[in-house]
């Protein structure tokens, strides 16, 4: 089939939204309830769309419905179109009233504190602004960007260059650090090696995750295998709680110790992790025009980075002060 004005007039945005909801729900009855429609109306709308396109969009069974390959293609492209239109409406709302904008952003779990700090800053200035924050691994955020589910993503990058199809603004360069509870004896030592820390106990992210190869490379540079973890979790919150409440060690971006400034429960162990410094980027689709509210959010992120001193080493006099604060004699 070829696209023409006649076909364009017969494919309605509302029908695409009905198809999208039906595929997501796996049932016309469930989709009808979610859309406040009758089930026959949902069935008729999809049947009409199938007639226009000349292909079956759904496989219908007594257990429900699933998308055919044709249905999957239309839902995927339709989601992009619906999200772009929604973004256009959000842009108009922001231009009409900059204090009442709406934005959808993503962040990896380690960078969620950075995104939250920017949101907190903007929420004070614009109390009616609405933020949708998605916290997922990098690969999931890239898919969300492609589908227009989010407009921006804050993530660690393996290389300064953005992945193909994306553009990146480098916010700062961050290193990985061995992190422990503030009162853990390792944080009061002046010299520590990775070999000293091998017995643990360790709480580490999954080996197949984004940080896994970076952690293995850091230990391999010292001729060591990565330590055997007692706990394996991708949850930044869980890692922090295990370290703060006991003797656990974990490896994480050092930025988490700067936001909030001077983390009250955690501290870095004075050991260098080689080959573990990477750019933190603000990613977006290359061909997508940035919305006005995205520019405001990016500026807030830059303010947070600058004021927190992210990417810069802790000044020597401040390190001595912190060491004195941790000393039992102090």
C-alpha atoms as a PDB file:
ATOM      1  CA  UNK A   1       0.000   0.000   0.000  1.00  0.00           C
ATOM      2  CA  UNK A   2       1.123   3.570  -0.615  1.00  0.00           C
ATOM      3  CA  UNK A   3       0.533   6.613   1.562  1.00  0.00           C
ATOM      4  CA  UNK A   4      -1.778   9.183   0.017  1.00  0.00           C
ATOM      5  CA  UNK A   5      -4.166  11.878   1.177  1.00  0.00           C
ATOM      6  CA  UNK A   6      -7.115   9.470   1.112  1.00  0.00           C
ATOM      7  CA  UNK A   7      -5.370   6.963   3.385  1.00  0.00           C
ATOM      8  CA  UNK A   8      -4.189   9.772   5.651  1.00  0.00           C
ATOM      9  CA  UNK A   9      -7.742  11.058   6.083  1.00  0.00           C
ATOM     10  CA  UNK A  10      -9.054   7.598   7.013  1.00  0.00           C
ATOM     11  CA  UNK A  11      -6.464   6.810   9.707  1.00  0.00           C
ATOM     12  CA  UNK A  12      -7.532   8.705  12.798  1.00  0.00           C
ATOM     13  CA  UNK A  13      -5.344   9.507  15.787  1.00  0.00           C
ATOM     14  CA  UNK A  14      -8.081   8.319  18.142  1.00  0.00           C
ATOM     15  CA  UNK A  15      -8.154   4.916  16.435  1.00  0.00           C
ATOM     16  CA  UNK A  16      -4.384   4.557  16.821  1.00  0.00           C
ATOM     17  CA  UNK A  17      -4.771   5.317  20.535  1.00  0.00           C
ATOM     18  CA  UNK A  18      -7.502   2.652  20.796  1.00  0.00           C
ATOM     19  CA  UNK A  19      -5.240   0.099  19.103  1.00  0.00           C
ATOM     20  CA  UNK A  20      -2.335   1.017  21.377  1.00  0.00           C
ATOM     21  CA  UNK A  21      -4.446   0.588  24.522  1.00  0.00           C
ATOM     22  CA  UNK A  22      -5.934  -2.698  23.287  1.00  0.00           C
ATOM     23  CA  UNK A  23      -2.512  -4.221  22.595  1.00  0.00           C
ATOM     24  CA  UNK A  24      -1.204  -3.024  25.971  1.00  0.00           C
ATOM     25  CA  UNK A  25      -4.256  -4.439  27.808  1.00  0.00           C
ATOM     26  CA  UNK A  26      -4.359  -7.707  25.845  1.00  0.00           C
ATOM     27  CA  UNK A  27      -8.142  -7.512  25.829  1.00  0.00           C
ATOM     28  CA  UNK A  28     -10.781  -5.381  24.106  1.00  0.00           C
ATOM     29  CA  UNK A  29     -12.920  -5.461  27.235  1.00  0.00           C
ATOM     30  CA  UNK A  30     -10.083  -4.130  29.398  1.00  0.00           C
ATOM     31  CA  UNK A  31      -9.227  -1.496  26.786  1.00  0.00           C
ATOM     32  CA  UNK A  32     -12.863  -0.406  26.647  1.00  0.00           C
ATOM     33  CA  UNK A  33     -12.944   0.113  30.409  1.00  0.00           C
ATOM     34  CA  UNK A  34      -9.688   2.083  30.357  1.00  0.00           C
ATOM     35  CA  UNK A  35     -10.928   4.269  27.500  1.00  0.00           C
ATOM     36  CA  UNK A  36     -14.455   4.714  28.898  1.00  0.00           C
ATOM     37  CA  UNK A  37     -15.920   3.124  25.765  1.00  0.00           C
ATOM     38  CA  UNK A  38     -18.083   0.111  25.021  1.00  0.00           C
ATOM     39  CA  UNK A  39     -16.397  -3.094  23.854  1.00  0.00           C
ATOM     40  CA  UNK A  40     -18.331  -3.098  20.523  1.00  0.00           C
ATOM     41  CA  UNK A  41     -17.059   0.455  19.856  1.00  0.00           C
ATOM     42  CA  UNK A  42     -13.454  -0.673  20.415  1.00  0.00           C
ATOM     43  CA  UNK A  43     -13.952  -3.710  18.194  1.00  0.00           C
ATOM     44  CA  UNK A  44     -15.552  -1.623  15.429  1.00  0.00           C
ATOM     45  CA  UNK A  45     -12.758   0.998  15.487  1.00  0.00           C
ATOM     46  CA  UNK A  46     -10.035  -1.629  15.110  1.00  0.00           C
ATOM     47  CA  UNK A  47     -11.944  -3.566  12.456  1.00  0.00           C
ATOM     48  CA  UNK A  48     -12.400  -0.351  10.472  1.00  0.00           C
ATOM     49  CA  UNK A  49      -8.650   0.363  10.705  1.00  0.00           C
ATOM     50  CA  UNK A  50      -7.880  -3.191   9.519  1.00  0.00           C
ATOM     51  CA  UNK A  51     -10.200  -2.667   6.546  1.00  0.00           C
ATOM     52  CA  UNK A  52      -8.469   0.609   5.645  1.00  0.00           C
ATOM     53  CA  UNK A  53      -5.007  -0.991   5.765  1.00  0.00           C
ATOM     54  CA  UNK A  54      -6.022  -4.349   4.321  1.00  0.00           C
ATOM     55  CA  UNK A  55      -4.195  -6.407   6.978  1.00  0.00           C
ATOM     56  CA  UNK A  56      -5.062  -8.046  10.306  1.00  0.00           C
ATOM     57  CA  UNK A  57      -3.696  -5.984  13.199  1.00  0.00           C
ATOM     58  CA  UNK A  58      -4.791  -8.321  16.015  1.00  0.00           C
ATOM     59  CA  UNK A  59      -4.946 -12.061  16.580  1.00  0.00           C
ATOM     60  CA  UNK A  60      -8.193 -12.720  18.443  1.00  0.00           C
ATOM     61  CA  UNK A  61      -8.494 -15.712  20.809  1.00  0.00           C
ATOM     62  CA  UNK A  62     -10.861 -16.616  23.665  1.00  0.00           C
ATOM     63  CA  UNK A  63      -8.067 -15.566  26.054  1.00  0.00           C
ATOM     64  CA  UNK A  64      -7.743 -12.079  24.561  1.00  0.00           C
ATOM     65  CA  UNK A  65      -5.864 -10.372  21.743  1.00  0.00           C
ATOM     66  CA  UNK A  66      -2.235 -10.016  20.675  1.00  0.00           C
ATOM     67  CA  UNK A  67      -0.731  -7.818  17.987  1.00  0.00           C
ATOM     68  CA  UNK A  68       0.230  -9.307  14.649  1.00  0.00           C
ATOM     69  CA  UNK A  69       3.489  -8.197  13.033  1.00  0.00           C
ATOM     70  CA  UNK A  70       1.425  -5.519  11.252  1.00  0.00           C
ATOM     71  CA  UNK A  71      -0.159  -4.435  14.496  1.00  0.00           C
ATOM     72  CA  UNK A  72       3.209  -4.245  16.250  1.00  0.00           C
ATOM     73  CA  UNK A  73       4.606  -2.040  13.471  1.00  0.00           C
ATOM     74  CA  UNK A  74       1.652   0.344  13.620  1.00  0.00           C
ATOM     75  CA  UNK A  75       1.641   0.512  17.423  1.00  0.00           C
ATOM     76  CA  UNK A  76       5.370   1.261  17.482  1.00  0.00           C
ATOM     77  CA  UNK A  77       5.109   4.077  14.940  1.00  0.00           C
ATOM     78  CA  UNK A  78       1.810   5.291  16.341  1.00  0.00           C
ATOM     79  CA  UNK A  79       3.294   5.641  19.822  1.00  0.00           C
ATOM     80  CA  UNK A  80       5.993   7.939  18.419  1.00  0.00           C
ATOM     81  CA  UNK A  81       3.385  10.080  16.684  1.00  0.00           C
ATOM     82  CA  UNK A  82       1.125  10.307  19.738  1.00  0.00           C
ATOM     83  CA  UNK A  83       4.046  11.208  21.994  1.00  0.00           C
ATOM     84  CA  UNK A  84       5.281  13.853  19.551  1.00  0.00           C
ATOM     85  CA  UNK A  85       1.809  15.401  19.418  1.00  0.00           C
ATOM     86  CA  UNK A  86       1.631  15.352  23.208  1.00  0.00           C
ATOM     87  CA  UNK A  87       5.028  17.066  23.303  1.00  0.00           C
ATOM     88  CA  UNK A  88       3.708  19.728  20.932  1.00  0.00           C
ATOM     89  CA  UNK A  89       0.771  20.410  23.260  1.00  0.00           C
ATOM     90  CA  UNK A  90       3.194  20.579  26.210  1.00  0.00           C
ATOM     91  CA  UNK A  91       5.362  23.055  24.290  1.00  0.00           C
ATOM     92  CA  UNK A  92       2.366  25.288  23.624  1.00  0.00           C
ATOM     93  CA  UNK A  93       1.388  25.141  27.303  1.00  0.00           C
ATOM     94  CA  UNK A  94       4.927  26.068  28.361  1.00  0.00           C
ATOM     95  CA  UNK A  95       5.165  28.954  25.886  1.00  0.00           C
ATOM     96  CA  UNK A  96       1.803  30.266  27.088  1.00  0.00           C
ATOM     97  CA  UNK A  97       2.792  29.879  30.762  1.00  0.00           C
ATOM     98  CA  UNK A  98       6.462  28.950  31.444  1.00  0.00           C
ATOM     99  CA  UNK A  99       5.668  28.171  35.059  1.00  0.00           C
ATOM    100  CA  UNK A 100       3.262  25.358  34.158  1.00  0.00           C
ATOM    101  CA  UNK A 101       5.282  23.195  31.781  1.00  0.00           C
ATOM    102  CA  UNK A 102       5.595  19.422  31.750  1.00  0.00           C
ATOM    103  CA  UNK A 103       8.601  17.242  30.932  1.00  0.00           C
ATOM    104  CA  UNK A 104       9.430  13.533  30.791  1.00  0.00           C
ATOM    105  CA  UNK A 105      13.023  12.692  31.666  1.00  0.00           C
ATOM    106  CA  UNK A 106      14.949   9.536  32.492  1.00  0.00           C
ATOM    107  CA  UNK A 107      17.949   8.743  34.646  1.00  0.00           C
ATOM    108  CA  UNK A 108      19.932   5.667  35.538  1.00  0.00           C
ATOM    109  CA  UNK A 109      19.632   4.659  39.220  1.00  0.00           C
ATOM    110  CA  UNK A 110      23.045   6.189  40.145  1.00  0.00           C
ATOM    111  CA  UNK A 111      22.145   9.458  38.395  1.00  0.00           C
ATOM    112  CA  UNK A 112      18.601   9.701  39.745  1.00  0.00           C
ATOM    113  CA  UNK A 113      19.844  11.876  42.632  1.00  0.00           C
ATOM    114  CA  UNK A 114      21.242  14.369  40.118  1.00  0.00           C
ATOM    115  CA  UNK A 115      17.943  14.489  38.226  1.00  0.00           C
ATOM    116  CA  UNK A 116      16.048  14.817  41.519  1.00  0.00           C
ATOM    117  CA  UNK A 117      18.247  17.747  42.561  1.00  0.00           C
ATOM    118  CA  UNK A 118      17.435  19.561  39.311  1.00  0.00           C
ATOM    119  CA  UNK A 119      13.724  18.821  39.754  1.00  0.00           C
ATOM    120  CA  UNK A 120      13.830  20.115  43.320  1.00  0.00           C
ATOM    121  CA  UNK A 121      15.450  23.338  42.110  1.00  0.00           C
ATOM    122  CA  UNK A 122      12.871  23.871  39.354  1.00  0.00           C
ATOM    123  CA  UNK A 123       9.907  22.927  41.568  1.00  0.00           C
ATOM    124  CA  UNK A 124      10.775  25.804  43.894  1.00  0.00           C
ATOM    125  CA  UNK A 125      10.814  28.268  41.003  1.00  0.00           C
ATOM    126  CA  UNK A 126       7.840  26.807  39.121  1.00  0.00           C
ATOM    127  CA  UNK A 127       5.446  25.157  41.599  1.00  0.00           C
ATOM    128  CA  UNK A 128       2.973  24.184  38.856  1.00  0.00           C
ATOM    129  CA  UNK A 129       5.529  22.451  36.632  1.00  0.00           C
ATOM    130  CA  UNK A 130       5.059  18.667  36.323  1.00  0.00           C
ATOM    131  CA  UNK A 131       7.962  16.210  36.047  1.00  0.00           C
ATOM    132  CA  UNK A 132       7.795  12.564  34.936  1.00  0.00           C
ATOM    133  CA  UNK A 133      11.018  10.856  36.065  1.00  0.00           C
ATOM    134  CA  UNK A 134      11.758   7.366  34.734  1.00  0.00           C
ATOM    135  CA  UNK A 135      14.588   5.532  36.543  1.00  0.00           C
ATOM    136  CA  UNK A 136      15.898   2.640  34.439  1.00  0.00           C
ATOM    137  CA  UNK A 137      19.177   1.192  33.092  1.00  0.00           C
ATOM    138  CA  UNK A 138      20.835   2.938  30.144  1.00  0.00           C
ATOM    139  CA  UNK A 139      19.592   0.528  27.449  1.00  0.00           C
ATOM    140  CA  UNK A 140      15.988   0.980  28.598  1.00  0.00           C
ATOM    141  CA  UNK A 141      16.355   4.775  28.612  1.00  0.00           C
ATOM    142  CA  UNK A 142      17.699   4.736  25.049  1.00  0.00           C
ATOM    143  CA  UNK A 143      14.646   2.772  23.920  1.00  0.00           C
ATOM    144  CA  UNK A 144      12.398   5.237  25.725  1.00  0.00           C
ATOM    145  CA  UNK A 145      14.120   8.113  23.923  1.00  0.00           C
ATOM    146  CA  UNK A 146      13.600   6.414  20.557  1.00  0.00           C
ATOM    147  CA  UNK A 147       9.915   5.888  21.286  1.00  0.00           C
ATOM    148  CA  UNK A 148       9.553   9.499  22.475  1.00  0.00           C
ATOM    149  CA  UNK A 149       8.478   8.233  25.886  1.00  0.00           C
ATOM    150  CA  UNK A 150      11.033  10.597  27.434  1.00  0.00           C
ATOM    151  CA  UNK A 151      12.807  13.649  26.016  1.00  0.00           C
ATOM    152  CA  UNK A 152      16.074  13.605  27.982  1.00  0.00           C
ATOM    153  CA  UNK A 153      18.132  10.967  29.777  1.00  0.00           C
ATOM    154  CA  UNK A 154      20.949  11.370  32.299  1.00  0.00           C
ATOM    155  CA  UNK A 155      23.341   8.442  32.044  1.00  0.00           C
ATOM    156  CA  UNK A 156      26.927   7.323  32.361  1.00  0.00           C
ATOM    157  CA  UNK A 157      28.569   6.850  28.948  1.00  0.00           C
ATOM    158  CA  UNK A 158      31.335   4.447  28.000  1.00  0.00           C
ATOM    159  CA  UNK A 159      32.683   6.905  25.409  1.00  0.00           C
ATOM    160  CA  UNK A 160      32.508  10.697  24.999  1.00  0.00           C
ATOM    161  CA  UNK A 161      30.685  10.193  21.680  1.00  0.00           C
ATOM    162  CA  UNK A 162      26.945   9.572  21.916  1.00  0.00           C
ATOM    163  CA  UNK A 163      25.449   6.315  20.587  1.00  0.00           C
ATOM    164  CA  UNK A 164      24.366   6.435  16.949  1.00  0.00           C
ATOM    165  CA  UNK A 165      21.195   8.455  16.471  1.00  0.00           C
ATOM    166  CA  UNK A 166      21.631  10.376  19.725  1.00  0.00           C
ATOM    167  CA  UNK A 167      23.329  13.580  20.774  1.00  0.00           C
ATOM    168  CA  UNK A 168      24.943  14.100  24.159  1.00  0.00           C
ATOM    169  CA  UNK A 169      25.891  17.071  26.262  1.00  0.00           C
ATOM    170  CA  UNK A 170      28.682  16.048  28.646  1.00  0.00           C
ATOM    171  CA  UNK A 171      27.739  17.306  32.104  1.00  0.00           C
ATOM    172  CA  UNK A 172      30.901  16.161  33.896  1.00  0.00           C
ATOM    173  CA  UNK A 173      33.352  13.276  34.161  1.00  0.00           C
ATOM    174  CA  UNK A 174      32.818  11.015  37.138  1.00  0.00           C
ATOM    175  CA  UNK A 175      34.861   8.194  38.576  1.00  0.00           C
ATOM    176  CA  UNK A 176      33.734   5.070  40.324  1.00  0.00           C
ATOM    177  CA  UNK A 177      34.533   4.852  44.017  1.00  0.00           C
ATOM    178  CA  UNK A 178      34.516   2.176  46.691  1.00  0.00           C
ATOM    179  CA  UNK A 179      31.865   3.396  49.126  1.00  0.00           C
ATOM    180  CA  UNK A 180      31.200   2.375  52.715  1.00  0.00           C
ATOM    181  CA  UNK A 181      29.274   3.562  55.732  1.00  0.00           C
ATOM    182  CA  UNK A 182      30.730   6.766  57.166  1.00  0.00           C
ATOM    183  CA  UNK A 183      31.831   4.937  60.342  1.00  0.00           C
ATOM    184  CA  UNK A 184      33.304   1.918  58.562  1.00  0.00           C
ATOM    185  CA  UNK A 185      36.958   1.489  59.683  1.00  0.00           C
ATOM    186  CA  UNK A 186      38.134   1.405  56.059  1.00  0.00           C
ATOM    187  CA  UNK A 187      37.127   5.056  55.588  1.00  0.00           C
ATOM    188  CA  UNK A 188      39.557   6.118  58.348  1.00  0.00           C
ATOM    189  CA  UNK A 189      42.591   4.416  56.804  1.00  0.00           C
ATOM    190  CA  UNK A 190      45.094   6.596  54.959  1.00  0.00           C
ATOM    191  CA  UNK A 191      46.250   3.960  52.491  1.00  0.00           C
ATOM    192  CA  UNK A 192      44.114   1.131  51.190  1.00  0.00           C
ATOM    193  CA  UNK A 193      44.586  -1.208  48.235  1.00  0.00           C
ATOM    194  CA  UNK A 194      41.950  -3.165  46.369  1.00  0.00           C
ATOM    195  CA  UNK A 195      43.632  -6.371  47.569  1.00  0.00           C
ATOM    196  CA  UNK A 196      43.023  -5.258  51.176  1.00  0.00           C
ATOM    197  CA  UNK A 197      39.304  -4.966  50.454  1.00  0.00           C
ATOM    198  CA  UNK A 198      38.817  -8.316  48.727  1.00  0.00           C
ATOM    199  CA  UNK A 199      37.319 -10.131  51.775  1.00  0.00           C
ATOM    200  CA  UNK A 200      34.424  -7.649  51.835  1.00  0.00           C
ATOM    201  CA  UNK A 201      31.580  -8.113  52.497  1.00  0.00           C
ATOM    202  CA  UNK A 202      30.565  -6.700  49.119  1.00  0.00           C
ATOM    203  CA  UNK A 203      27.236  -5.609  47.649  1.00  0.00           C
ATOM    204  CA  UNK A 204      27.558  -5.223  43.878  1.00  0.00           C
ATOM    205  CA  UNK A 205      25.352  -4.565  40.848  1.00  0.00           C
ATOM    206  CA  UNK A 206      24.603  -7.488  38.496  1.00  0.00           C
ATOM    207  CA  UNK A 207      27.664  -8.571  36.512  1.00  0.00           C
ATOM    208  CA  UNK A 208      25.777  -8.201  33.227  1.00  0.00           C
ATOM    209  CA  UNK A 209      24.696  -4.636  34.028  1.00  0.00           C
ATOM    210  CA  UNK A 210      26.251  -1.409  32.768  1.00  0.00           C
ATOM    211  CA  UNK A 211      28.713  -1.048  35.681  1.00  0.00           C
ATOM    212  CA  UNK A 212      29.730  -4.732  35.712  1.00  0.00           C
ATOM    213  CA  UNK A 213      32.427  -4.514  32.984  1.00  0.00           C
ATOM    214  CA  UNK A 214      33.807  -1.290  34.489  1.00  0.00           C
ATOM    215  CA  UNK A 215      34.153  -2.913  37.914  1.00  0.00           C
ATOM    216  CA  UNK A 216      35.843  -6.001  36.485  1.00  0.00           C
ATOM    217  CA  UNK A 217      38.269  -3.848  34.485  1.00  0.00           C
ATOM    218  CA  UNK A 218      39.226  -1.848  37.584  1.00  0.00           C
ATOM    219  CA  UNK A 219      40.149  -4.984  39.526  1.00  0.00           C
ATOM    220  CA  UNK A 220      41.829  -6.597  36.517  1.00  0.00           C
ATOM    221  CA  UNK A 221      44.170  -3.592  36.276  1.00  0.00           C
ATOM    222  CA  UNK A 222      45.559  -4.720  39.668  1.00  0.00           C
ATOM    223  CA  UNK A 223      45.723  -8.364  38.617  1.00  0.00           C
ATOM    224  CA  UNK A 224      42.613  -9.217  40.648  1.00  0.00           C
ATOM    225  CA  UNK A 225      39.315 -10.857  39.881  1.00  0.00           C
ATOM    226  CA  UNK A 226      36.227  -8.930  40.907  1.00  0.00           C
ATOM    227  CA  UNK A 227      35.276  -9.800  44.500  1.00  0.00           C
ATOM    228  CA  UNK A 228      32.575 -12.346  45.212  1.00  0.00           C
ATOM    229  CA  UNK A 229      29.507 -10.364  46.293  1.00  0.00           C
ATOM    230  CA  UNK A 230      27.372 -11.288  49.266  1.00  0.00           C
ATOM    231  CA  UNK A 231      24.501  -9.247  47.827  1.00  0.00           C
ATOM    232  CA  UNK A 232      23.736  -8.632  44.154  1.00  0.00           C
ATOM    233  CA  UNK A 233      21.300  -5.806  43.411  1.00  0.00           C
ATOM    234  CA  UNK A 234      20.787  -2.997  40.907  1.00  0.00           C
ATOM    235  CA  UNK A 235      19.040  -0.862  43.539  1.00  0.00           C
ATOM    236  CA  UNK A 236      21.089   2.168  44.532  1.00  0.00           C
ATOM    237  CA  UNK A 237      18.903   2.596  47.602  1.00  0.00           C
ATOM    238  CA  UNK A 238      19.567  -0.982  48.753  1.00  0.00           C
ATOM    239  CA  UNK A 239      23.322  -0.626  48.242  1.00  0.00           C
ATOM    240  CA  UNK A 240      23.362   2.561  50.299  1.00  0.00           C
ATOM    241  CA  UNK A 241      21.293   1.044  53.100  1.00  0.00           C
ATOM    242  CA  UNK A 242      23.510  -2.033  53.341  1.00  0.00           C
ATOM    243  CA  UNK A 243      26.652   0.097  53.606  1.00  0.00           C
ATOM    244  CA  UNK A 244      25.203   2.722  55.936  1.00  0.00           C
ATOM    245  CA  UNK A 245      23.871   0.151  58.368  1.00  0.00           C
ATOM    246  CA  UNK A 246      26.798  -2.252  58.452  1.00  0.00           C
ATOM    247  CA  UNK A 247      30.211  -3.193  57.076  1.00  0.00           C
ATOM    248  CA  UNK A 248      29.238  -3.682  53.438  1.00  0.00           C
ATOM    249  CA  UNK A 249      31.316  -2.156  50.656  1.00  0.00           C
ATOM    250  CA  UNK A 250      29.971  -1.278  47.214  1.00  0.00           C
ATOM    251  CA  UNK A 251      31.208   0.396  44.035  1.00  0.00           C
ATOM    252  CA  UNK A 252      29.243   3.290  42.631  1.00  0.00           C
ATOM    253  CA  UNK A 253      29.691   6.631  40.880  1.00  0.00           C
ATOM    254  CA  UNK A 254      31.349   9.071  43.276  1.00  0.00           C
ATOM    255  CA  UNK A 255      28.711  11.677  42.404  1.00  0.00           C
ATOM    256  CA  UNK A 256      26.310  10.088  44.881  1.00  0.00           C
ATOM    257  CA  UNK A 257      28.543  11.414  47.686  1.00  0.00           C
ATOM    258  CA  UNK A 258      28.143  14.985  46.408  1.00  0.00           C
ATOM    259  CA  UNK A 259      24.343  15.038  46.127  1.00  0.00           C
ATOM    260  CA  UNK A 260      23.290  15.878  48.747  1.00  0.00           C
ATOM    261  CA  UNK A 261      26.562  17.649  49.601  1.00  0.00           C
ATOM    262  CA  UNK A 262      28.538  15.710  52.183  1.00  0.00           C
ATOM    263  CA  UNK A 263      26.457  12.529  52.306  1.00  0.00           C
ATOM    264  CA  UNK A 264      25.410  12.018  55.953  1.00  0.00           C
ATOM    265  CA  UNK A 265      25.735   8.226  55.966  1.00  0.00           C
ATOM    266  CA  UNK A 266      28.323   7.271  53.332  1.00  0.00           C
ATOM    267  CA  UNK A 267      31.966   7.998  52.545  1.00  0.00           C
ATOM    268  CA  UNK A 268      34.534   6.930  49.956  1.00  0.00           C
ATOM    269  CA  UNK A 269      37.237   4.463  50.934  1.00  0.00           C
ATOM    270  CA  UNK A 270      40.637   6.049  50.062  1.00  0.00           C
ATOM    271  CA  UNK A 271      41.516   3.666  47.241  1.00  0.00           C
ATOM    272  CA  UNK A 272      41.896   4.442  43.539  1.00  0.00           C
ATOM    273  CA  UNK A 273      39.878   2.533  40.968  1.00  0.00           C
ATOM    274  CA  UNK A 274      41.851   2.708  37.713  1.00  0.00           C
ATOM    275  CA  UNK A 275      40.090   2.849  34.345  1.00  0.00           C
ATOM    276  CA  UNK A 276      36.847   3.833  36.031  1.00  0.00           C
ATOM    277  CA  UNK A 277      36.337   7.464  35.008  1.00  0.00           C
ATOM    278  CA  UNK A 278      33.589   8.106  32.441  1.00  0.00           C
ATOM    279  CA  UNK A 279      31.520  10.997  31.118  1.00  0.00           C
ATOM    280  CA  UNK A 280      28.042  11.632  32.485  1.00  0.00           C
ATOM    281  CA  UNK A 281      25.894  12.812  29.603  1.00  0.00           C
ATOM    282  CA  UNK A 282      22.533  14.375  28.991  1.00  0.00           C
ATOM    283  CA  UNK A 283      21.231  12.336  26.045  1.00  0.00           C
ATOM    284  CA  UNK A 284      18.512  13.140  23.523  1.00  0.00           C
ATOM    285  CA  UNK A 285      17.444  12.024  20.059  1.00  0.00           C
ATOM    286  CA  UNK A 286      19.590  13.757  17.466  1.00  0.00           C
ATOM    287  CA  UNK A 287      16.780  14.581  15.047  1.00  0.00           C
ATOM    288  CA  UNK A 288      14.293  15.672  17.687  1.00  0.00           C
ATOM    289  CA  UNK A 289      13.859  19.388  18.318  1.00  0.00           C
ATOM    290  CA  UNK A 290      14.293  20.165  21.999  1.00  0.00           C
ATOM    291  CA  UNK A 291      11.257  21.593  23.757  1.00  0.00           C
ATOM    292  CA  UNK A 292      11.517  24.871  25.693  1.00  0.00           C
ATOM    293  CA  UNK A 293      11.036  23.090  29.022  1.00  0.00           C
ATOM    294  CA  UNK A 294      13.865  20.667  28.134  1.00  0.00           C
ATOM    295  CA  UNK A 295      16.177  23.651  27.858  1.00  0.00           C
ATOM    296  CA  UNK A 296      15.102  24.844  31.287  1.00  0.00           C
ATOM    297  CA  UNK A 297      15.719  21.394  32.767  1.00  0.00           C
ATOM    298  CA  UNK A 298      19.158  21.138  31.134  1.00  0.00           C
ATOM    299  CA  UNK A 299      20.124  24.528  32.580  1.00  0.00           C
ATOM    300  CA  UNK A 300      19.018  23.393  36.057  1.00  0.00           C
ATOM    301  CA  UNK A 301      21.173  20.253  35.716  1.00  0.00           C
ATOM    302  CA  UNK A 302      24.184  22.372  34.791  1.00  0.00           C
ATOM    303  CA  UNK A 303      23.605  24.559  37.869  1.00  0.00           C
ATOM    304  CA  UNK A 304      23.477  21.502  40.129  1.00  0.00           C
ATOM    305  CA  UNK A 305      26.667  20.072  38.596  1.00  0.00           C
ATOM    306  CA  UNK A 306      28.539  23.356  39.013  1.00  0.00           C
ATOM    307  CA  UNK A 307      27.438  24.035  42.578  1.00  0.00           C
ATOM    308  CA  UNK A 308      28.110  20.455  43.713  1.00  0.00           C
ATOM    309  CA  UNK A 309      31.587  20.512  42.197  1.00  0.00           C
ATOM    310  CA  UNK A 310      30.865  17.298  40.329  1.00  0.00           C
ATOM    311  CA  UNK A 311      33.754  15.940  38.324  1.00  0.00           C
ATOM    312  CA  UNK A 312      36.341  17.841  40.340  1.00  0.00           C
ATOM    313  CA  UNK A 313      38.478  16.160  43.010  1.00  0.00           C
ATOM    314  CA  UNK A 314      37.734  16.933  46.628  1.00  0.00           C
ATOM    315  CA  UNK A 315      40.082  19.797  47.663  1.00  0.00           C
ATOM    316  CA  UNK A 316      43.018  18.600  49.786  1.00  0.00           C
ATOM    317  CA  UNK A 317      42.197  20.839  52.747  1.00  0.00           C
ATOM    318  CA  UNK A 318      38.625  19.511  52.739  1.00  0.00           C
ATOM    319  CA  UNK A 319      39.919  15.936  52.593  1.00  0.00           C
ATOM    320  CA  UNK A 320      42.065  16.605  55.668  1.00  0.00           C
ATOM    321  CA  UNK A 321      39.079  18.154  57.430  1.00  0.00           C
ATOM    322  CA  UNK A 322      36.912  15.136  56.657  1.00  0.00           C
ATOM    323  CA  UNK A 323      39.632  12.744  57.792  1.00  0.00           C
ATOM    324  CA  UNK A 324      39.859  14.638  61.086  1.00  0.00           C
ATOM    325  CA  UNK A 325      36.090  14.489  61.482  1.00  0.00           C
ATOM    326  CA  UNK A 326      36.211  10.691  61.033  1.00  0.00           C
ATOM    327  CA  UNK A 327      39.122  10.203  63.438  1.00  0.00           C
ATOM    328  CA  UNK A 328      38.158   8.739  66.831  1.00  0.00           C
ATOM    329  CA  UNK A 329      40.385  11.353  68.469  1.00  0.00           C
ATOM    330  CA  UNK A 330      38.329  14.115  66.808  1.00  0.00           C
END
